[in-house]
Amino acid sequence: MTDNEVLDQLLCRMKFGEEKAFEELYKKTSRQVFAYVLSIANNYHTAQDLTQDTYIKIRKNVDKYVSGNAFAWIMQIAKNTAYNELAKSKKVIATDFGERTKAGGSYTIDENNVPVLEIIGTRLEDTDKKILLMHLSAGFKHREIAKELDMPLGTVLWRYNKAIKLLQKIIKEEYGL
């Protein structure tokens, strides 16, 4: 059974009010939803709030779900939630990785405590940041990213590889790894 089929079954079980199904759905998808919303909102705490809002909307609208591509349905709700919030605020939300670090640590790549998310958020171009977060954290395939960002696949692959090389260079120069 594929991951998408599992998510589809969980959403169908949720339609019948099964609380355990919602809990399982959250555990299986919240990391990807958070990473995707973070790539849009550019703010850790805002992304946390939007992730929770996404799951509230999923729960409220599960009866409208038609079996098929469950992951795409979930991510569409996340996308709409994030963009609707940004439109309401009518401003670009600044990234404040210092605030996130004080509040709860930072994402790291290994035991050397390299603040990868902080580097991505502060040192890479916005488009490259979105591509990296969507692929590495949310698990989007490059062709899905190309479609979502309305870019040619070759451009997405080139920007991804360029961003990875820059990230590796920064880590090597600043952390000696």
C-alpha atoms as a PDB file:
ATOM      1  CA  MET A   1       0.000   0.000   0.000  1.00  0.00           C
ATOM      2  CA  THR A   2       1.424   3.392  -0.998  1.00  0.00           C
ATOM      3  CA  ASP A   3       1.709   6.350   1.357  1.00  0.00           C
ATOM      4  CA  ASN A   4      -1.026   8.111  -0.578  1.00  0.00           C
ATOM      5  CA  GLU A   5      -3.357   5.124  -0.206  1.00  0.00           C
ATOM      6  CA  VAL A   6      -2.714   5.118   3.542  1.00  0.00           C
ATOM      7  CA  LEU A   7      -3.545   8.842   3.721  1.00  0.00           C
ATOM      8  CA  ASP A   8      -6.655   8.228   1.634  1.00  0.00           C
ATOM      9  CA  GLN A   9      -7.831   5.551   4.075  1.00  0.00           C
ATOM     10  CA  LEU A  10      -7.137   7.816   7.053  1.00  0.00           C
ATOM     11  CA  LEU A  11      -9.207  10.621   5.529  1.00  0.00           C
ATOM     12  CA  CYS A  12     -12.043   8.191   4.820  1.00  0.00           C
ATOM     13  CA  ARG A  13     -11.910   6.938   8.422  1.00  0.00           C
ATOM     14  CA  MET A  14     -11.991  10.561   9.610  1.00  0.00           C
ATOM     15  CA  LYS A  15     -15.254  11.049   7.709  1.00  0.00           C
ATOM     16  CA  PHE A  16     -16.759   8.555  10.117  1.00  0.00           C
ATOM     17  CA  GLY A  17     -15.463  10.486  13.127  1.00  0.00           C
ATOM     18  CA  GLU A  18     -12.563   8.232  13.982  1.00  0.00           C
ATOM     19  CA  GLU A  19     -10.272  10.309  16.221  1.00  0.00           C
ATOM     20  CA  LYS A  20      -7.365   7.883  15.930  1.00  0.00           C
ATOM     21  CA  ALA A  21      -7.361   8.417  12.158  1.00  0.00           C
ATOM     22  CA  PHE A  22      -6.910  12.171  12.583  1.00  0.00           C
ATOM     23  CA  GLU A  23      -4.045  11.595  14.999  1.00  0.00           C
ATOM     24  CA  GLU A  24      -2.346   9.205  12.565  1.00  0.00           C
ATOM     25  CA  LEU A  25      -2.862  11.612   9.657  1.00  0.00           C
ATOM     26  CA  TYR A  26      -1.268  14.415  11.661  1.00  0.00           C
ATOM     27  CA  LYS A  27       1.729  12.268  12.604  1.00  0.00           C
ATOM     28  CA  LYS A  28       2.265  11.171   9.001  1.00  0.00           C
ATOM     29  CA  THR A  29       1.927  14.574   7.338  1.00  0.00           C
ATOM     30  CA  SER A  30       2.588  17.418   9.790  1.00  0.00           C
ATOM     31  CA  ARG A  31       6.315  17.625   9.077  1.00  0.00           C
ATOM     32  CA  GLN A  32       5.744  18.024   5.345  1.00  0.00           C
ATOM     33  CA  VAL A  33       2.893  20.484   5.865  1.00  0.00           C
ATOM     34  CA  PHE A  34       5.014  22.561   8.244  1.00  0.00           C
ATOM     35  CA  ALA A  35       7.985  22.653   5.857  1.00  0.00           C
ATOM     36  CA  TYR A  36       5.779  23.650   2.940  1.00  0.00           C
ATOM     37  CA  VAL A  37       3.992  26.371   4.902  1.00  0.00           C
ATOM     38  CA  LEU A  38       7.357  27.614   6.217  1.00  0.00           C
ATOM     39  CA  SER A  39       8.575  27.958   2.632  1.00  0.00           C
ATOM     40  CA  ILE A  40       5.627  30.291   1.994  1.00  0.00           C
ATOM     41  CA  ALA A  41       5.445  32.200   5.283  1.00  0.00           C
ATOM     42  CA  ASN A  42       9.195  32.561   5.919  1.00  0.00           C
ATOM     43  CA  ASN A  43       8.559  32.694   9.664  1.00  0.00           C
ATOM     44  CA  TYR A  44       8.862  29.765  12.043  1.00  0.00           C
ATOM     45  CA  HIS A  45       6.087  30.752  14.457  1.00  0.00           C
ATOM     46  CA  THR A  46       3.711  31.797  11.702  1.00  0.00           C
ATOM     47  CA  ALA A  47       4.326  28.446  10.018  1.00  0.00           C
ATOM     48  CA  GLN A  48       3.493  26.651  13.262  1.00  0.00           C
ATOM     49  CA  ASP A  49       0.188  28.537  13.495  1.00  0.00           C
ATOM     50  CA  LEU A  50      -0.625  27.959   9.833  1.00  0.00           C
ATOM     51  CA  THR A  51       0.120  24.257  10.196  1.00  0.00           C
ATOM     52  CA  GLN A  52      -2.395  24.024  13.024  1.00  0.00           C
ATOM     53  CA  ASP A  53      -4.910  26.056  10.994  1.00  0.00           C
ATOM     54  CA  THR A  54      -4.407  23.637   8.119  1.00  0.00           C
ATOM     55  CA  TYR A  55      -5.336  20.656  10.282  1.00  0.00           C
ATOM     56  CA  ILE A  56      -8.384  22.451  11.647  1.00  0.00           C
ATOM     57  CA  LYS A  57      -9.517  23.014   8.056  1.00  0.00           C
ATOM     58  CA  ILE A  58      -8.778  19.413   7.135  1.00  0.00           C
ATOM     59  CA  ARG A  59     -10.908  18.237  10.036  1.00  0.00           C
ATOM     60  CA  LYS A  60     -13.763  20.638   9.169  1.00  0.00           C
ATOM     61  CA  ASN A  61     -13.715  19.796   5.462  1.00  0.00           C
ATOM     62  CA  VAL A  62     -12.959  16.081   5.490  1.00  0.00           C
ATOM     63  CA  ASP A  63     -16.527  15.363   4.373  1.00  0.00           C
ATOM     64  CA  LYS A  64     -15.723  17.199   1.107  1.00  0.00           C
ATOM     65  CA  TYR A  65     -12.716  14.983   0.377  1.00  0.00           C
ATOM     66  CA  VAL A  66     -13.155  12.677  -2.599  1.00  0.00           C
ATOM     67  CA  SER A  67     -10.847   9.656  -2.651  1.00  0.00           C
ATOM     68  CA  GLY A  68      -7.874  10.137  -4.883  1.00  0.00           C
ATOM     69  CA  ASN A  69      -4.703  12.067  -4.199  1.00  0.00           C
ATOM     70  CA  ALA A  70      -4.890  12.620  -0.443  1.00  0.00           C
ATOM     71  CA  PHE A  71      -1.462  14.227  -0.106  1.00  0.00           C
ATOM     72  CA  ALA A  72      -2.218  16.757  -2.845  1.00  0.00           C
ATOM     73  CA  TRP A  73      -5.542  17.594  -1.166  1.00  0.00           C
ATOM     74  CA  ILE A  74      -3.816  18.171   2.185  1.00  0.00           C
ATOM     75  CA  MET A  75      -1.069  20.284   0.636  1.00  0.00           C
ATOM     76  CA  GLN A  76      -3.612  22.351  -1.309  1.00  0.00           C
ATOM     77  CA  ILE A  77      -5.353  23.181   1.966  1.00  0.00           C
ATOM     78  CA  ALA A  78      -1.975  24.115   3.471  1.00  0.00           C
ATOM     79  CA  LYS A  79      -1.149  26.306   0.480  1.00  0.00           C
ATOM     80  CA  ASN A  80      -4.529  28.065   0.530  1.00  0.00           C
ATOM     81  CA  THR A  81      -4.305  28.587   4.284  1.00  0.00           C
ATOM     82  CA  ALA A  82      -0.847  30.132   4.022  1.00  0.00           C
ATOM     83  CA  TYR A  83      -1.615  32.404   1.086  1.00  0.00           C
ATOM     84  CA  ASN A  84      -4.935  33.496   2.568  1.00  0.00           C
ATOM     85  CA  GLU A  85      -3.173  34.489   5.783  1.00  0.00           C
ATOM     86  CA  LEU A  86      -0.508  36.403   3.873  1.00  0.00           C
ATOM     87  CA  ALA A  87      -3.190  38.195   1.880  1.00  0.00           C
ATOM     88  CA  LYS A  88      -5.013  39.134   5.098  1.00  0.00           C
ATOM     89  CA  SER A  89      -1.907  40.599   6.633  1.00  0.00           C
ATOM     90  CA  LYS A  90      -1.153  42.478   3.368  1.00  0.00           C
ATOM     91  CA  LYS A  91       2.516  42.471   4.139  1.00  0.00           C
ATOM     92  CA  VAL A  92       5.528  40.289   3.608  1.00  0.00           C
ATOM     93  CA  ILE A  93       6.385  38.472   6.780  1.00  0.00           C
ATOM     94  CA  ALA A  94      10.042  38.873   7.654  1.00  0.00           C
ATOM     95  CA  THR A  95      12.035  35.834   8.624  1.00  0.00           C
ATOM     96  CA  ASP A  96      13.225  35.954  12.210  1.00  0.00           C
ATOM     97  CA  PHE A  97      15.352  32.907  12.766  1.00  0.00           C
ATOM     98  CA  GLY A  98      16.902  34.396  15.917  1.00  0.00           C
ATOM     99  CA  GLU A  99      13.488  34.370  17.584  1.00  0.00           C
ATOM    100  CA  ARG A 100      12.941  30.742  16.565  1.00  0.00           C
ATOM    101  CA  THR A 101      16.314  29.685  17.878  1.00  0.00           C
ATOM    102  CA  LYS A 102      15.695  31.257  21.285  1.00  0.00           C
ATOM    103  CA  ALA A 103      12.245  29.710  21.511  1.00  0.00           C
ATOM    104  CA  GLY A 104      13.050  26.144  20.685  1.00  0.00           C
ATOM    105  CA  GLY A 105      16.396  25.378  19.144  1.00  0.00           C
ATOM    106  CA  SER A 106      17.126  25.015  15.488  1.00  0.00           C
ATOM    107  CA  TYR A 107      17.091  22.348  12.844  1.00  0.00           C
ATOM    108  CA  THR A 108      20.499  20.769  12.460  1.00  0.00           C
ATOM    109  CA  ILE A 109      21.977  18.324  10.019  1.00  0.00           C
ATOM    110  CA  ASP A 110      23.971  16.309  12.516  1.00  0.00           C
ATOM    111  CA  GLU A 111      25.530  16.166  15.933  1.00  0.00           C
ATOM    112  CA  ASN A 112      27.679  19.211  15.038  1.00  0.00           C
ATOM    113  CA  ASN A 113      24.639  21.465  15.521  1.00  0.00           C
ATOM    114  CA  VAL A 114      24.939  23.305  12.228  1.00  0.00           C
ATOM    115  CA  PRO A 115      21.852  25.587  11.991  1.00  0.00           C
ATOM    116  CA  VAL A 116      20.890  24.528   8.471  1.00  0.00           C
ATOM    117  CA  LEU A 117      17.456  26.140   8.501  1.00  0.00           C
ATOM    118  CA  GLU A 118      18.948  29.429   9.634  1.00  0.00           C
ATOM    119  CA  ILE A 119      21.521  29.297   6.829  1.00  0.00           C
ATOM    120  CA  ILE A 120      18.855  28.447   4.266  1.00  0.00           C
ATOM    121  CA  GLY A 121      16.567  31.178   5.550  1.00  0.00           C
ATOM    122  CA  THR A 122      19.118  33.953   5.714  1.00  0.00           C
ATOM    123  CA  ARG A 123      21.698  33.206   3.050  1.00  0.00           C
ATOM    124  CA  LEU A 124      19.779  31.791   0.087  1.00  0.00           C
ATOM    125  CA  GLU A 125      17.526  33.530  -2.409  1.00  0.00           C
ATOM    126  CA  ASP A 126      13.790  33.141  -1.729  1.00  0.00           C
ATOM    127  CA  THR A 127      13.171  30.861  -4.708  1.00  0.00           C
ATOM    128  CA  ASP A 128      16.132  28.640  -3.842  1.00  0.00           C
ATOM    129  CA  LYS A 129      14.962  28.512  -0.219  1.00  0.00           C
ATOM    130  CA  LYS A 130      11.487  27.394  -1.301  1.00  0.00           C
ATOM    131  CA  ILE A 131      12.885  24.736  -3.626  1.00  0.00           C
ATOM    132  CA  LEU A 132      15.173  23.332  -0.921  1.00  0.00           C
ATOM    133  CA  LEU A 133      12.514  23.284   1.789  1.00  0.00           C
ATOM    134  CA  MET A 134       9.886  21.807  -0.506  1.00  0.00           C
ATOM    135  CA  HIS A 135      12.228  19.014  -1.618  1.00  0.00           C
ATOM    136  CA  LEU A 136      14.268  18.244   1.496  1.00  0.00           C
ATOM    137  CA  SER A 137      11.709  18.821   4.238  1.00  0.00           C
ATOM    138  CA  ALA A 138       8.328  18.383   2.600  1.00  0.00           C
ATOM    139  CA  GLY A 139       9.389  15.601   0.237  1.00  0.00           C
ATOM    140  CA  PHE A 140       8.126  17.162  -2.986  1.00  0.00           C
ATOM    141  CA  LYS A 141       9.590  15.740  -6.173  1.00  0.00           C
ATOM    142  CA  HIS A 142      11.349  18.227  -8.443  1.00  0.00           C
ATOM    143  CA  ARG A 143       8.599  17.978 -11.067  1.00  0.00           C
ATOM    144  CA  GLU A 144       5.997  18.773  -8.380  1.00  0.00           C
ATOM    145  CA  ILE A 145       8.034  21.791  -7.303  1.00  0.00           C
ATOM    146  CA  ALA A 146       8.301  22.938 -10.921  1.00  0.00           C
ATOM    147  CA  LYS A 147       4.537  22.730 -11.295  1.00  0.00           C
ATOM    148  CA  GLU A 148       3.858  24.456  -7.962  1.00  0.00           C
ATOM    149  CA  LEU A 149       6.286  27.308  -8.640  1.00  0.00           C
ATOM    150  CA  ASP A 150       5.372  27.484 -12.338  1.00  0.00           C
ATOM    151  CA  MET A 151       8.971  26.986 -13.439  1.00  0.00           C
ATOM    152  CA  PRO A 152      10.585  24.666 -15.993  1.00  0.00           C
ATOM    153  CA  LEU A 153      11.856  21.420 -14.448  1.00  0.00           C
ATOM    154  CA  GLY A 154      15.384  22.155 -15.685  1.00  0.00           C
ATOM    155  CA  THR A 155      15.375  25.487 -13.871  1.00  0.00           C
ATOM    156  CA  VAL A 156      14.209  23.864 -10.634  1.00  0.00           C
ATOM    157  CA  LEU A 157      16.932  21.200 -10.891  1.00  0.00           C
ATOM    158  CA  TRP A 158      19.593  23.809 -11.664  1.00  0.00           C
ATOM    159  CA  ARG A 159      18.538  26.078  -8.789  1.00  0.00           C
ATOM    160  CA  TYR A 160      18.324  23.114  -6.389  1.00  0.00           C
ATOM    161  CA  ASN A 161      21.829  21.940  -7.261  1.00  0.00           C
ATOM    162  CA  LYS A 162      23.200  25.502  -7.096  1.00  0.00           C
ATOM    163  CA  ALA A 163      21.585  26.012  -3.661  1.00  0.00           C
ATOM    164  CA  ILE A 164      22.918  22.691  -2.326  1.00  0.00           C
ATOM    165  CA  LYS A 165      26.431  23.582  -3.471  1.00  0.00           C
ATOM    166  CA  LEU A 166      26.190  27.011  -1.837  1.00  0.00           C
ATOM    167  CA  LEU A 167      24.859  25.460   1.377  1.00  0.00           C
ATOM    168  CA  GLN A 168      27.725  22.939   1.403  1.00  0.00           C
ATOM    169  CA  LYS A 169      30.247  25.728   0.772  1.00  0.00           C
ATOM    170  CA  ILE A 170      28.880  27.847   3.642  1.00  0.00           C
ATOM    171  CA  ILE A 171      28.899  24.888   6.034  1.00  0.00           C
ATOM    172  CA  LYS A 172      32.436  23.925   5.014  1.00  0.00           C
ATOM    173  CA  GLU A 173      33.786  27.478   5.312  1.00  0.00           C
ATOM    174  CA  GLU A 174      32.004  28.457   8.517  1.00  0.00           C
ATOM    175  CA  TYR A 175      31.831  25.151  10.384  1.00  0.00           C
ATOM    176  CA  GLY A 176      34.791  23.276   8.913  1.00  0.00           C
ATOM    177  CA  LEU A 177      32.649  20.289   7.939  1.00  0.00           C
END
